[in-house]
Amino acid sequence: MITLRRLLKKKTLGPVLNRAALLLGPGWQVTLCENAPETADFAYCQALRIEQEPIGYLVVTPPVEAPPSPPEIARLPELIRFIAETLETLLVGEAVKRSLAAETLGKYREISLLHRATLGLNGSLRPRDVAQALLDECRFGELPALSGMVFLQPPSSDIFIPVCSFGNVTATRLAAIADSTLFWDIARSQKGEIVNELGSDRRWHDEADLPSLLLCPLVASSRCVGMLALAGTPGVRFEASHLQYVGTLATVAGIALGNALHFDAVQALINSLMQALATAIDARDPFTAGHSQRVARLGVALAKAVHHDTEFFAEVTYTPSDLEELLYAGLLHDVGKIGIREEVLTKATRLSAGTMAVIGQRLALEALVTGRDNEAEFEALSRINAADGISREDAALVAAVGARSVTVGKTRLELLTEREIACLLIPRGNLTPEERREIERHPAESHRILSHIPFPGNMGRLLSIISQHHERLDGSGYPGGLKGGEILLQSRIIAIVDIYDAITMARHYKPALPREKALAILWAEARAGRIDTRLVELLERHIDTIERDCECLSGHVDLSEYLDQETVPAATGGD
């Protein structure tokens, strides 16, 4: 069970409890306990829960010298529920933050390992050097291995030859395991295994003097080209995490050992990693699932239209490598959103449901104290909270409610805080200026994250394309405020298809809009001088072909053949 102490720090909890005590009146005490109190010298004890799991208890103790009056006792349950719900909202928020932090840390560690291993294991094209680099990673990593050895299977050979090792491999006869049934069974399956009790495995016939083994095949282009063998320490077991760690290293090493298939294998790894990163980012928000893939494919399809165009871009030609670079730029253009808070990235309303519930409790409290009917006002605030814009009448309502307060005892409680008023009065959209600045950091953050990945030489503009995809021709974009010719044509392409897909797909804050509406919005942006008019013209002219190509590109497509296909047909008229 998650403890209260882990979720809420004293500096966060103290002000809330003090305000709760003031709300109840002089002499009242409000405390939190991780276990239910055994004594009965409290007025009320309310369990706090996260997803129906008890997390602690809210304990309210009345004044000793001045017992509460019957009216105070009558309103106590509702006040206690209000305080408990406020605390539960804080607890849920902290739990979500911690969960996201743990998940992000795990992803970071995995990517960091991939990055470091890729640099080390691809530092040479000599198989022996790659094998030694792999063994060094295992030797100096956190693995309980006394000795280790890498076997390689030369091309057109059916034997595995030991090429490098560490530890006392002679005494343990580690090289002899290449003759075991266990070794060959794992080589054929191409799946790593842990055997902590060799004597109990029917495939083992005491070929070596070892307590345990971790065997991981080195696979390139569906062929087992080598084997990593780690001999365990007596009394210490290999665990699944060790196999996962070694499996990651072995995957990179196998690609590096691919020799004739080296280039294709590396390309496949890069593509898989990019797809995984794009999918991971999009998966944080179900409304953006598949967005990066669609932007990538739409961008390639529009670039093909540019390549074949003789009216606006007669001087522009693209190679298959250029399209591949653009494809990867589309896949990774939003990877920087990994650093954006979940509540900002998926924000659907101006205020969260929890905050609106608290506002509802305040209005209910005012109604309880004054007898005023606040139901219509709360419904209006809920409507404003979900709206894309705000009218003068709505702004006046927010101001009117924000000007009111309710007094309970000696405590004066504002119906709306300054922050809540500011959020409800956002002129358009639901993001505060601070949240919008956080969102606008993601192109630069994408550049920072991806700058650690050694992309191939044919992707020299990839990071620039990604970091510029929110720049605008009139200088109103971000993060660099670039203008006109300072913005790459590829970045302009990604910018347009990014807008197009965002409009035609449903989001938290809006429904999906038809193609015609999306094109109209793009034309408005183009006429305002923010995006490339020529690209908008090509998109509209060839929209049917571009969307059809987008679907075709969802499978494996040879970009060389795709680029050489028949020129997209000229349009007969606008939509």
Protein backbone atom coordinates (compact mmCIF):
# COMPACT_ATOMS: atom_id res chain seq x y z
CA MET A 1 0.00 0.00 0.00
CA ILE A 2 1.23 3.48 -0.84
CA THR A 3 1.84 5.51 2.33
CA LEU A 4 0.67 9.01 2.99
CA ARG A 5 4.21 10.02 3.91
CA ARG A 6 5.42 9.07 0.42
CA LEU A 7 2.68 10.97 -1.38
CA LEU A 8 2.32 14.24 0.53
CA LYS A 9 5.19 16.25 1.97
CA LYS A 10 4.72 18.38 5.07
CA LYS A 11 5.09 21.63 3.15
CA THR A 12 2.21 20.59 0.87
CA LEU A 13 0.00 19.08 3.53
CA GLY A 14 0.44 21.64 6.31
CA PRO A 15 -1.31 24.60 4.64
CA VAL A 16 -4.23 22.38 3.59
CA LEU A 17 -4.79 21.02 7.10
CA ASN A 18 -4.45 24.49 8.63
CA ARG A 19 -7.03 25.89 6.23
CA ALA A 20 -9.33 22.96 6.96
CA ALA A 21 -9.04 23.64 10.69
CA LEU A 22 -9.84 27.32 10.15
CA LEU A 23 -12.85 26.32 8.09
CA LEU A 24 -14.17 24.19 10.95
CA GLY A 25 -13.67 26.91 13.54
CA PRO A 26 -11.52 27.86 16.54
CA GLY A 27 -10.05 25.00 18.52
CA TRP A 28 -10.72 22.29 15.95
CA GLN A 29 -7.82 20.06 14.99
CA VAL A 30 -7.38 18.24 11.66
CA THR A 31 -4.80 15.47 11.33
CA LEU A 32 -3.97 12.60 9.00
CA CYS A 33 -3.18 9.08 10.14
CA GLU A 34 -1.98 6.10 8.15
CA ASN A 35 -3.93 3.75 10.46
CA ALA A 36 -7.42 4.11 11.90
CA PRO A 37 -7.30 5.64 15.41
CA GLU A 38 -8.05 3.21 18.22
CA THR A 39 -9.41 5.82 20.64
CA ALA A 40 -12.79 7.52 20.37
CA ASP A 41 -11.81 11.06 21.41
CA PHE A 42 -12.41 12.45 17.94
CA ALA A 43 -15.53 13.86 16.36
CA TYR A 44 -15.14 12.28 12.96
CA CYS A 45 -12.84 9.82 11.15
CA GLN A 46 -12.99 9.63 7.35
CA ALA A 47 -11.06 7.07 5.29
CA LEU A 48 -9.05 8.50 2.37
CA ARG A 49 -8.89 6.31 -0.73
CA ILE A 50 -7.15 6.11 -4.08
CA GLU A 51 -8.93 3.82 -6.55
CA GLN A 52 -10.92 2.30 -3.68
CA GLU A 53 -7.73 1.41 -1.78
CA PRO A 54 -7.43 2.91 1.72
CA ILE A 55 -4.50 5.29 1.90
CA GLY A 56 -5.02 6.83 5.31
CA TYR A 57 -7.54 8.50 7.59
CA LEU A 58 -8.69 12.07 8.14
CA VAL A 59 -9.25 12.68 11.86
CA VAL A 60 -11.12 15.76 13.08
CA THR A 61 -11.01 16.56 16.79
CA PRO A 62 -13.38 19.18 18.33
CA PRO A 63 -12.31 21.82 20.84
CA VAL A 64 -11.88 20.40 24.33
CA GLU A 65 -13.04 23.48 26.24
CA ALA A 66 -15.88 24.51 23.91
CA PRO A 67 -17.82 21.52 22.54
CA PRO A 68 -19.53 22.15 19.19
CA SER A 69 -23.12 23.31 19.14
CA PRO A 70 -25.90 21.23 17.53
CA PRO A 71 -25.88 23.40 14.32
CA GLU A 72 -22.12 22.93 14.06
CA ILE A 73 -22.52 19.19 14.52
CA ALA A 74 -25.22 19.13 11.84
CA ARG A 75 -22.98 20.68 9.19
CA LEU A 76 -19.90 18.69 10.25
CA PRO A 77 -20.39 15.62 7.94
CA GLU A 78 -20.61 17.77 4.82
CA LEU A 79 -17.55 19.82 5.79
CA ILE A 80 -15.62 16.65 6.54
CA ARG A 81 -16.55 15.18 3.16
CA PHE A 82 -15.45 18.39 1.48
CA ILE A 83 -12.06 18.32 3.26
CA ALA A 84 -11.61 14.60 2.55
CA GLU A 85 -12.42 15.01 -1.14
CA THR A 86 -9.96 17.90 -1.37
CA LEU A 87 -7.23 15.78 0.20
CA GLU A 88 -8.07 12.81 -2.03
CA THR A 89 -7.74 15.07 -5.07
CA LEU A 90 -4.27 16.09 -3.89
CA LEU A 91 -3.34 12.47 -3.21
CA VAL A 92 -4.50 11.27 -6.63
CA GLY A 93 -2.52 14.04 -8.31
CA GLU A 94 0.64 13.12 -6.40
CA ALA A 95 0.15 9.40 -7.14
CA VAL A 96 -0.20 10.10 -10.87
CA LYS A 97 2.93 12.27 -10.85
CA ARG A 98 4.92 9.54 -9.13
CA SER A 99 3.65 6.86 -11.49
CA LEU A 100 4.56 8.95 -14.53
CA ALA A 101 7.98 9.72 -13.08
CA ALA A 102 8.71 6.02 -12.50
CA GLU A 103 7.57 5.11 -16.01
CA THR A 104 9.63 7.90 -17.57
CA LEU A 105 12.70 6.88 -15.55
CA GLY A 106 12.37 3.30 -16.76
CA LYS A 107 12.07 4.45 -20.38
CA TYR A 108 15.02 6.79 -19.94
CA ARG A 109 17.21 4.01 -18.53
CA GLU A 110 16.31 1.69 -21.40
CA ILE A 111 16.98 4.36 -24.03
CA SER A 112 20.19 5.36 -22.23
CA LEU A 113 21.39 1.76 -22.33
CA LEU A 114 20.51 1.49 -26.02
CA HIS A 115 22.31 4.73 -26.74
CA ARG A 116 25.49 3.80 -24.88
CA ALA A 117 25.56 0.27 -26.27
CA THR A 118 24.95 1.47 -29.81
CA LEU A 119 27.93 3.82 -29.58
CA GLY A 120 30.23 1.20 -28.08
CA LEU A 121 29.24 -1.80 -30.14
CA ASN A 122 29.19 0.03 -33.45
CA GLY A 123 32.59 1.58 -32.96
CA SER A 124 34.18 -0.97 -35.25
CA LEU A 125 33.20 -3.23 -38.14
CA ARG A 126 35.56 -5.98 -36.96
CA PRO A 127 33.54 -8.85 -35.44
CA ARG A 128 36.14 -9.50 -32.75
CA ASP A 129 36.08 -5.85 -31.63
CA VAL A 130 32.29 -5.88 -31.44
CA ALA A 131 32.38 -9.12 -29.44
CA GLN A 132 34.92 -7.67 -27.01
CA ALA A 133 32.85 -4.50 -26.59
CA LEU A 134 29.81 -6.64 -25.78
CA LEU A 135 31.75 -8.66 -23.24
CA ASP A 136 33.11 -5.50 -21.61
CA GLU A 137 29.54 -4.17 -21.20
CA CYS A 138 28.60 -7.40 -19.40
CA ARG A 139 31.81 -7.60 -17.38
CA PHE A 140 31.58 -4.10 -15.97
CA GLY A 141 27.79 -4.04 -15.68
CA GLU A 142 25.72 -5.16 -12.70
CA LEU A 143 25.62 -8.85 -13.58
CA PRO A 144 26.47 -11.74 -11.17
CA ALA A 145 28.85 -13.42 -13.65
CA LEU A 146 32.26 -14.87 -12.70
CA SER A 147 33.26 -15.49 -16.30
CA GLY A 148 31.96 -14.97 -19.78
CA MET A 149 32.65 -15.79 -23.39
CA VAL A 150 31.45 -14.72 -26.83
CA PHE A 151 31.20 -17.32 -29.60
CA LEU A 152 30.92 -16.34 -33.27
CA GLN A 153 29.67 -18.44 -36.15
CA PRO A 154 31.55 -17.48 -39.33
CA PRO A 155 29.55 -17.22 -42.57
CA SER A 156 28.96 -20.59 -44.25
CA SER A 157 30.06 -22.40 -41.09
CA ASP A 158 28.14 -24.68 -38.79
CA ILE A 159 30.38 -24.32 -35.73
CA PHE A 160 30.67 -21.64 -33.05
CA ILE A 161 34.20 -20.43 -32.26
CA PRO A 162 35.14 -18.67 -28.98
CA VAL A 163 36.73 -15.30 -29.79
CA CYS A 164 37.04 -13.47 -26.45
CA SER A 165 36.41 -14.08 -22.77
CA PHE A 166 36.91 -12.91 -19.20
CA GLY A 167 37.37 -14.80 -15.96
CA ASN A 168 38.91 -18.24 -15.43
CA VAL A 169 37.31 -19.91 -18.46
CA THR A 170 40.00 -22.60 -18.64
CA ALA A 171 39.26 -24.03 -15.21
CA THR A 172 35.52 -24.05 -15.82
CA ARG A 173 35.86 -25.39 -19.40
CA LEU A 174 33.44 -22.70 -20.56
CA ALA A 175 34.37 -23.13 -24.23
CA ALA A 176 33.06 -26.71 -24.11
CA ILE A 177 29.45 -25.57 -23.79
CA ALA A 178 29.41 -25.00 -27.57
CA ASP A 179 29.10 -28.79 -27.90
CA SER A 180 26.09 -29.05 -25.58
CA THR A 181 22.50 -29.71 -26.59
CA LEU A 182 21.48 -26.73 -24.44
CA PHE A 183 23.72 -24.38 -26.44
CA TRP A 184 22.40 -25.52 -29.82
CA ASP A 185 18.78 -25.59 -28.68
CA ILE A 186 19.01 -21.91 -27.67
CA ALA A 187 20.88 -21.04 -30.89
CA ARG A 188 18.06 -22.58 -32.95
CA SER A 189 15.31 -20.88 -30.93
CA GLN A 190 17.16 -17.53 -31.04
CA LYS A 191 15.78 -16.76 -27.57
CA GLY A 192 17.93 -16.15 -24.53
CA GLU A 193 17.57 -18.35 -21.47
CA ILE A 194 18.61 -18.50 -17.83
CA VAL A 195 19.44 -21.92 -16.39
CA ASN A 196 20.10 -21.48 -12.70
CA GLU A 197 20.15 -25.23 -12.02
CA LEU A 198 22.08 -26.86 -14.82
CA GLY A 199 21.97 -30.30 -13.25
CA SER A 200 18.18 -30.34 -13.52
CA ASP A 201 18.07 -29.43 -17.22
CA ARG A 202 17.74 -32.51 -19.48
CA ARG A 203 19.73 -30.74 -22.22
CA TRP A 204 22.82 -30.46 -20.00
CA HIS A 205 25.34 -33.29 -19.65
CA ASP A 206 28.08 -31.72 -17.51
CA GLU A 207 29.99 -30.30 -20.45
CA ALA A 208 31.52 -27.65 -18.15
CA ASP A 209 32.03 -27.05 -14.42
CA LEU A 210 29.46 -24.30 -13.90
CA PRO A 211 26.79 -23.55 -11.27
CA SER A 212 24.51 -21.64 -13.68
CA LEU A 213 24.41 -20.16 -17.18
CA LEU A 214 22.90 -17.21 -18.98
CA LEU A 215 22.94 -17.79 -22.75
CA CYS A 216 21.85 -15.15 -25.20
CA PRO A 217 22.04 -15.59 -28.99
CA LEU A 218 23.48 -12.81 -31.17
CA VAL A 219 21.10 -12.58 -34.08
CA ALA A 220 21.47 -10.63 -37.33
CA SER A 221 19.02 -10.81 -40.22
CA SER A 222 17.21 -13.80 -38.66
CA ARG A 223 20.46 -15.74 -38.42
CA CYS A 224 22.23 -16.63 -35.19
CA VAL A 225 25.74 -15.30 -35.82
CA GLY A 226 27.02 -15.68 -32.29
CA MET A 227 26.30 -16.53 -28.68
CA LEU A 228 27.00 -14.72 -25.43
CA ALA A 229 27.60 -17.05 -22.48
CA LEU A 230 27.85 -15.87 -18.88
CA ALA A 231 28.75 -18.26 -16.07
CA GLY A 232 27.05 -17.49 -12.79
CA THR A 233 28.37 -17.03 -9.27
CA PRO A 234 27.75 -19.91 -6.82
CA GLY A 235 24.81 -19.14 -4.57
CA VAL A 236 23.62 -16.17 -6.69
CA ARG A 237 20.81 -16.64 -9.21
CA PHE A 238 20.41 -14.91 -12.54
CA GLU A 239 17.12 -12.98 -12.71
CA ALA A 240 14.78 -11.93 -15.51
CA SER A 241 16.09 -8.37 -15.32
CA HIS A 242 19.58 -9.67 -16.10
CA LEU A 243 18.27 -11.44 -19.20
CA GLN A 244 16.46 -8.30 -20.29
CA TYR A 245 19.63 -6.24 -19.82
CA VAL A 246 21.78 -8.73 -21.71
CA GLY A 247 19.09 -9.15 -24.35
CA THR A 248 19.20 -5.45 -25.11
CA LEU A 249 22.99 -5.52 -25.45
CA ALA A 250 22.89 -8.67 -27.54
CA THR A 251 20.39 -7.18 -29.92
CA VAL A 252 22.69 -4.26 -30.71
CA ALA A 253 25.73 -6.55 -30.90
CA GLY A 254 23.94 -8.91 -33.27
CA ILE A 255 23.21 -6.05 -35.63
CA ALA A 256 26.81 -4.89 -35.50
CA LEU A 257 27.92 -8.45 -36.31
CA GLY A 258 25.70 -8.62 -39.39
CA ASN A 259 28.57 -7.85 -41.80
CA ALA A 260 27.01 -8.11 -45.28
CA LEU A 261 23.58 -7.28 -43.85
CA HIS A 262 24.94 -4.67 -41.46
CA PHE A 263 23.44 -1.62 -43.15
CA ASP A 264 19.95 -3.11 -43.52
CA ALA A 265 20.00 -4.38 -39.94
CA VAL A 266 20.94 -0.95 -38.53
CA GLN A 267 18.23 0.71 -40.61
CA ALA A 268 15.69 -1.75 -39.25
CA LEU A 269 16.77 -1.02 -35.67
CA ILE A 270 16.53 2.73 -36.16
CA ASN A 271 13.09 2.44 -37.70
CA SER A 272 11.86 0.17 -34.90
CA LEU A 273 13.21 2.52 -32.26
CA MET A 274 11.59 5.54 -33.88
CA GLN A 275 8.28 3.75 -34.25
CA ALA A 276 8.46 2.68 -30.62
CA LEU A 277 9.25 6.20 -29.43
CA ALA A 278 6.48 7.71 -31.55
CA THR A 279 4.01 5.09 -30.36
CA ALA A 280 5.05 5.59 -26.73
CA ILE A 281 4.51 9.36 -26.96
CA ASP A 282 1.19 9.09 -28.79
CA ALA A 283 0.01 6.39 -26.37
CA ARG A 284 0.10 8.85 -23.47
CA ASP A 285 -3.04 10.38 -24.93
CA PRO A 286 -5.63 8.11 -26.62
CA PHE A 287 -6.82 11.07 -28.71
CA THR A 288 -3.40 11.40 -30.37
CA ALA A 289 -2.80 7.67 -30.94
CA GLY A 290 -1.27 7.25 -34.39
CA HIS A 291 -0.77 11.01 -34.87
CA SER A 292 3.00 10.80 -35.38
CA GLN A 293 2.68 7.94 -37.85
CA ARG A 294 0.04 9.82 -39.86
CA VAL A 295 2.10 13.02 -39.87
CA ALA A 296 5.11 11.03 -41.09
CA ARG A 297 3.17 9.37 -43.91
CA LEU A 298 1.28 12.51 -44.92
CA GLY A 299 4.59 14.40 -44.96
CA VAL A 300 6.18 11.83 -47.29
CA ALA A 301 3.13 11.88 -49.57
CA LEU A 302 3.15 15.70 -49.77
CA ALA A 303 6.92 15.66 -50.38
CA LYS A 304 6.33 13.31 -53.31
CA ALA A 305 3.86 15.84 -54.73
CA VAL A 306 6.53 18.53 -54.35
CA HIS A 307 9.08 16.29 -56.06
CA HIS A 308 6.86 15.83 -59.13
CA ASP A 309 5.54 19.42 -59.23
CA THR A 310 6.74 21.66 -62.08
CA GLU A 311 4.72 24.77 -61.24
CA PHE A 312 5.84 25.83 -57.76
CA PHE A 313 8.83 23.57 -57.05
CA ALA A 314 10.43 22.88 -60.42
CA GLU A 315 13.88 23.17 -58.85
CA VAL A 316 13.17 20.78 -55.96
CA THR A 317 13.92 17.07 -56.19
CA TYR A 318 13.99 14.51 -53.43
CA THR A 319 15.89 11.24 -53.11
CA PRO A 320 14.66 8.13 -51.29
CA SER A 321 17.03 9.10 -48.45
CA ASP A 322 15.34 12.52 -48.27
CA LEU A 323 11.93 10.86 -47.94
CA GLU A 324 13.28 8.50 -45.31
CA GLU A 325 14.63 11.47 -43.36
CA LEU A 326 11.26 13.19 -43.62
CA LEU A 327 9.47 10.00 -42.55
CA TYR A 328 11.60 9.76 -39.41
CA ALA A 329 11.18 13.48 -38.73
CA GLY A 330 7.41 12.98 -38.79
CA LEU A 331 7.62 9.96 -36.50
CA LEU A 332 9.75 11.79 -33.95
CA HIS A 333 8.49 15.37 -34.26
CA ASP A 334 6.65 15.18 -30.91
CA VAL A 335 9.13 13.06 -28.94
CA GLY A 336 9.87 16.12 -26.78
CA LYS A 337 6.37 15.81 -25.32
CA ILE A 338 7.74 13.07 -23.08
CA GLY A 339 8.80 15.90 -20.75
CA ILE A 340 5.37 17.56 -20.65
CA ARG A 341 3.17 16.93 -17.65
CA GLU A 342 0.33 14.50 -18.28
CA GLU A 343 -2.29 16.94 -17.03
CA VAL A 344 -1.11 19.55 -19.53
CA LEU A 345 -0.67 17.18 -22.47
CA THR A 346 -4.16 15.68 -22.10
CA LYS A 347 -5.90 18.76 -20.77
CA ALA A 348 -9.47 18.73 -22.02
CA THR A 349 -10.93 21.60 -19.98
CA ARG A 350 -9.79 24.82 -18.37
CA LEU A 351 -10.00 23.31 -14.91
CA SER A 352 -9.71 19.64 -13.96
CA ALA A 353 -12.73 17.59 -12.92
CA GLY A 354 -11.37 17.51 -9.40
CA THR A 355 -11.09 21.29 -9.23
CA MET A 356 -14.62 21.68 -10.60
CA ALA A 357 -15.84 19.28 -7.96
CA VAL A 358 -14.20 21.44 -5.28
CA ILE A 359 -15.88 24.55 -6.76
CA GLY A 360 -19.18 22.69 -6.67
CA GLN A 361 -18.60 21.95 -3.00
CA ARG A 362 -17.93 25.63 -2.29
CA LEU A 363 -21.14 26.67 -4.06
CA ALA A 364 -23.01 23.97 -2.17
CA LEU A 365 -21.54 25.29 1.06
CA GLU A 366 -22.67 28.81 0.16
CA ALA A 367 -26.13 27.46 -0.60
CA LEU A 368 -26.16 25.68 2.76
CA VAL A 369 -25.17 28.84 4.61
CA THR A 370 -27.25 31.42 2.70
CA GLY A 371 -30.06 29.36 1.19
CA ARG A 372 -29.11 30.59 -2.28
CA ASP A 373 -29.78 28.27 -5.25
CA ASN A 374 -26.43 27.90 -7.02
CA GLU A 375 -27.25 24.98 -9.30
CA ALA A 376 -27.68 27.08 -12.47
CA GLU A 377 -24.43 28.94 -11.80
CA PHE A 378 -22.50 25.73 -11.38
CA GLU A 379 -23.93 24.36 -14.63
CA ALA A 380 -22.89 27.59 -16.38
CA LEU A 381 -19.37 27.35 -14.92
CA SER A 382 -19.15 23.74 -16.08
CA ARG A 383 -20.16 24.79 -19.60
CA ILE A 384 -17.60 27.61 -19.62
CA ASN A 385 -14.97 25.20 -18.34
CA ALA A 386 -15.44 22.95 -21.39
CA ALA A 387 -15.84 25.74 -23.98
CA ASP A 388 -13.17 26.69 -26.54
CA GLY A 389 -13.91 30.42 -26.13
CA ILE A 390 -15.67 32.69 -23.68
CA SER A 391 -18.34 35.35 -24.27
CA ARG A 392 -18.71 38.65 -22.44
CA GLU A 393 -21.74 37.28 -20.61
CA ASP A 394 -19.79 34.23 -19.47
CA ALA A 395 -16.87 36.40 -18.37
CA ALA A 396 -19.25 38.55 -16.35
CA LEU A 397 -20.68 35.44 -14.67
CA VAL A 398 -17.22 34.21 -13.73
CA ALA A 399 -16.35 37.63 -12.33
CA ALA A 400 -19.58 37.76 -10.36
CA VAL A 401 -19.10 34.34 -8.80
CA GLY A 402 -15.43 35.08 -8.18
CA ALA A 403 -16.36 38.19 -6.25
CA ARG A 404 -18.44 36.20 -3.76
CA SER A 405 -17.30 34.34 -0.72
CA VAL A 406 -18.87 32.33 2.04
CA THR A 407 -18.14 32.79 5.72
CA VAL A 408 -18.23 29.82 8.04
CA GLY A 409 -17.56 30.69 11.61
CA LYS A 410 -14.68 33.13 11.39
CA THR A 411 -13.40 31.70 8.11
CA ARG A 412 -14.00 33.46 4.81
CA LEU A 413 -13.82 31.15 1.81
CA GLU A 414 -13.63 32.54 -1.73
CA LEU A 415 -15.93 30.72 -4.14
CA LEU A 416 -13.27 30.96 -6.86
CA THR A 417 -9.54 31.36 -6.34
CA GLU A 418 -7.53 33.79 -8.43
CA ARG A 419 -6.03 30.93 -10.41
CA GLU A 420 -9.44 29.38 -11.08
CA ILE A 421 -10.79 32.73 -12.29
CA ALA A 422 -7.79 33.17 -14.56
CA CYS A 423 -8.27 29.70 -16.04
CA LEU A 424 -11.98 30.18 -16.63
CA LEU A 425 -11.31 33.52 -18.33
CA ILE A 426 -8.78 32.14 -20.85
CA PRO A 427 -9.90 33.84 -24.10
CA ARG A 428 -9.42 30.78 -26.32
CA GLY A 429 -8.54 27.15 -25.66
CA ASN A 430 -7.89 25.75 -22.21
CA LEU A 431 -4.18 26.31 -21.61
CA THR A 432 -2.84 28.96 -19.27
CA PRO A 433 0.13 31.02 -20.49
CA GLU A 434 2.44 28.90 -18.34
CA GLU A 435 1.01 25.67 -19.74
CA ARG A 436 1.26 26.98 -23.30
CA ARG A 437 4.92 27.81 -22.72
CA GLU A 438 5.41 24.27 -21.45
CA ILE A 439 3.83 22.85 -24.62
CA GLU A 440 5.92 25.15 -26.79
CA ARG A 441 9.12 23.73 -25.31
CA HIS A 442 8.62 20.38 -27.00
CA PRO A 443 10.38 21.09 -30.36
CA ALA A 444 13.54 22.18 -28.53
CA GLU A 445 13.17 19.26 -26.13
CA SER A 446 12.85 16.87 -29.10
CA HIS A 447 16.10 18.28 -30.47
CA ARG A 448 17.82 17.81 -27.11
CA ILE A 449 16.65 14.21 -26.66
CA LEU A 450 17.38 13.09 -30.21
CA SER A 451 20.76 14.83 -30.38
CA HIS A 452 22.15 11.92 -28.31
CA ILE A 453 21.23 9.37 -30.98
CA PRO A 454 23.87 8.76 -33.70
CA PHE A 455 21.65 9.00 -36.76
CA PRO A 456 23.13 7.96 -40.14
CA GLY A 457 24.88 10.56 -42.27
CA ASN A 458 21.96 10.73 -44.70
CA MET A 459 19.83 12.25 -41.90
CA GLY A 460 21.90 15.35 -41.29
CA ARG A 461 18.87 17.67 -41.35
CA LEU A 462 16.60 15.49 -39.21
CA LEU A 463 17.01 17.45 -35.98
CA SER A 464 16.55 20.80 -37.76
CA ILE A 465 13.37 19.59 -39.46
CA ILE A 466 11.95 18.50 -36.11
CA SER A 467 12.97 21.59 -34.16
CA GLN A 468 11.48 23.90 -36.83
CA HIS A 469 8.11 22.24 -37.36
CA HIS A 470 6.32 24.91 -35.27
CA GLU A 471 8.12 27.86 -36.83
CA ARG A 472 6.01 30.17 -39.01
CA LEU A 473 6.99 32.21 -42.05
CA ASP A 474 6.05 35.52 -40.42
CA GLY A 475 8.22 34.83 -37.36
CA SER A 476 5.29 34.12 -35.05
CA GLY A 477 6.25 30.50 -34.46
CA TYR A 478 8.43 28.81 -31.88
CA PRO A 479 10.92 28.03 -30.48
CA GLY A 480 13.29 30.24 -32.50
CA GLY A 481 10.94 32.77 -34.13
CA LEU A 482 12.48 31.96 -37.54
CA LYS A 483 11.18 33.66 -40.68
CA GLY A 484 10.80 32.86 -44.37
CA GLY A 485 13.87 31.28 -45.90
CA GLU A 486 15.31 30.43 -42.49
CA ILE A 487 12.76 27.59 -42.29
CA LEU A 488 13.54 24.37 -44.18
CA LEU A 489 11.04 23.27 -46.82
CA GLN A 490 10.81 19.90 -45.07
CA SER A 491 9.86 21.66 -41.83
CA ARG A 492 7.14 23.58 -43.67
CA ILE A 493 5.79 20.29 -45.00
CA ILE A 494 5.68 18.73 -41.52
CA ALA A 495 4.05 21.91 -40.14
CA ILE A 496 1.19 21.75 -42.67
CA VAL A 497 0.42 18.04 -42.34
CA ASP A 498 0.71 18.35 -38.54
CA ILE A 499 -2.02 21.01 -38.57
CA TYR A 500 -4.10 19.04 -41.07
CA ASP A 501 -4.05 15.84 -39.00
CA ALA A 502 -4.73 17.71 -35.75
CA ILE A 503 -7.84 19.29 -37.29
CA THR A 504 -9.23 16.15 -38.93
CA MET A 505 -8.76 13.98 -35.84
CA ALA A 506 -10.71 14.27 -32.59
CA ARG A 507 -8.94 15.74 -29.57
CA HIS A 508 -9.88 16.20 -25.91
CA TYR A 509 -10.95 19.76 -26.55
CA LYS A 510 -12.70 19.39 -29.95
CA PRO A 511 -14.37 16.90 -32.31
CA ALA A 512 -12.83 15.79 -35.60
CA LEU A 513 -13.50 18.27 -38.42
CA PRO A 514 -14.01 17.39 -42.10
CA ARG A 515 -11.33 17.74 -44.75
CA GLU A 516 -12.94 20.86 -46.19
CA LYS A 517 -12.81 22.66 -42.85
CA ALA A 518 -9.17 21.66 -42.36
CA LEU A 519 -8.22 23.01 -45.78
CA ALA A 520 -10.12 26.24 -45.10
CA ILE A 521 -8.17 26.72 -41.86
CA LEU A 522 -4.89 26.02 -43.64
CA TRP A 523 -5.77 28.59 -46.32
CA ALA A 524 -6.54 31.16 -43.61
CA GLU A 525 -3.10 30.51 -42.09
CA ALA A 526 -1.45 30.76 -45.51
CA ARG A 527 -3.16 34.05 -46.40
CA ALA A 528 -2.05 35.41 -43.03
CA GLY A 529 1.53 34.68 -44.10
CA ARG A 530 2.21 32.01 -41.49
CA ILE A 531 2.54 28.86 -43.64
CA ASP A 532 3.62 28.17 -47.24
CA THR A 533 0.83 29.00 -49.70
CA ARG A 534 2.37 26.79 -52.38
CA LEU A 535 2.31 23.73 -50.16
CA VAL A 536 -1.29 24.37 -49.15
CA GLU A 537 -2.17 24.62 -52.85
CA LEU A 538 -0.46 21.30 -53.58
CA LEU A 539 -2.11 19.64 -50.58
CA GLU A 540 -5.57 20.75 -51.71
CA ARG A 541 -4.87 19.91 -55.35
CA HIS A 542 -3.72 16.38 -54.62
CA ILE A 543 -5.51 15.67 -51.35
CA ASP A 544 -7.16 12.45 -52.57
CA THR A 545 -3.84 10.99 -53.77
CA ILE A 546 -1.99 12.17 -50.66
CA GLU A 547 -4.49 10.57 -48.30
CA ARG A 548 -4.50 7.37 -50.36
CA ASP A 549 -0.70 7.28 -50.30
CA CYS A 550 -0.80 7.86 -46.55
CA GLU A 551 -2.78 4.64 -46.15
CA CYS A 552 -0.43 2.72 -48.46
CA LEU A 553 2.63 3.91 -46.55
CA SER A 554 1.31 2.33 -43.35
CA GLY A 555 2.81 -0.95 -44.55
CA HIS A 556 6.39 -1.65 -45.58
CA VAL A 557 7.07 0.38 -48.72
CA ASP A 558 10.28 0.71 -50.72
CA LEU A 559 10.69 4.49 -50.85
CA SER A 560 12.78 4.24 -54.00
CA GLU A 561 9.94 2.57 -55.85
CA TYR A 562 7.39 4.91 -54.26
CA LEU A 563 9.23 8.03 -55.39
CA ASP A 564 9.54 6.72 -58.94
CA GLN A 565 5.86 5.93 -59.26
CA GLU A 566 3.72 7.81 -61.72
CA THR A 567 3.39 11.53 -61.02
CA VAL A 568 0.35 12.45 -58.97
CA PRO A 569 -2.41 13.50 -61.38
CA ALA A 570 -3.11 17.20 -61.83
CA ALA A 571 -6.31 18.43 -60.23
CA THR A 572 -9.20 19.62 -62.32
CA GLY A 573 -10.39 22.08 -59.74
CA GLY A 574 -10.41 22.99 -56.06
CA ASP A 575 -12.48 21.26 -53.44
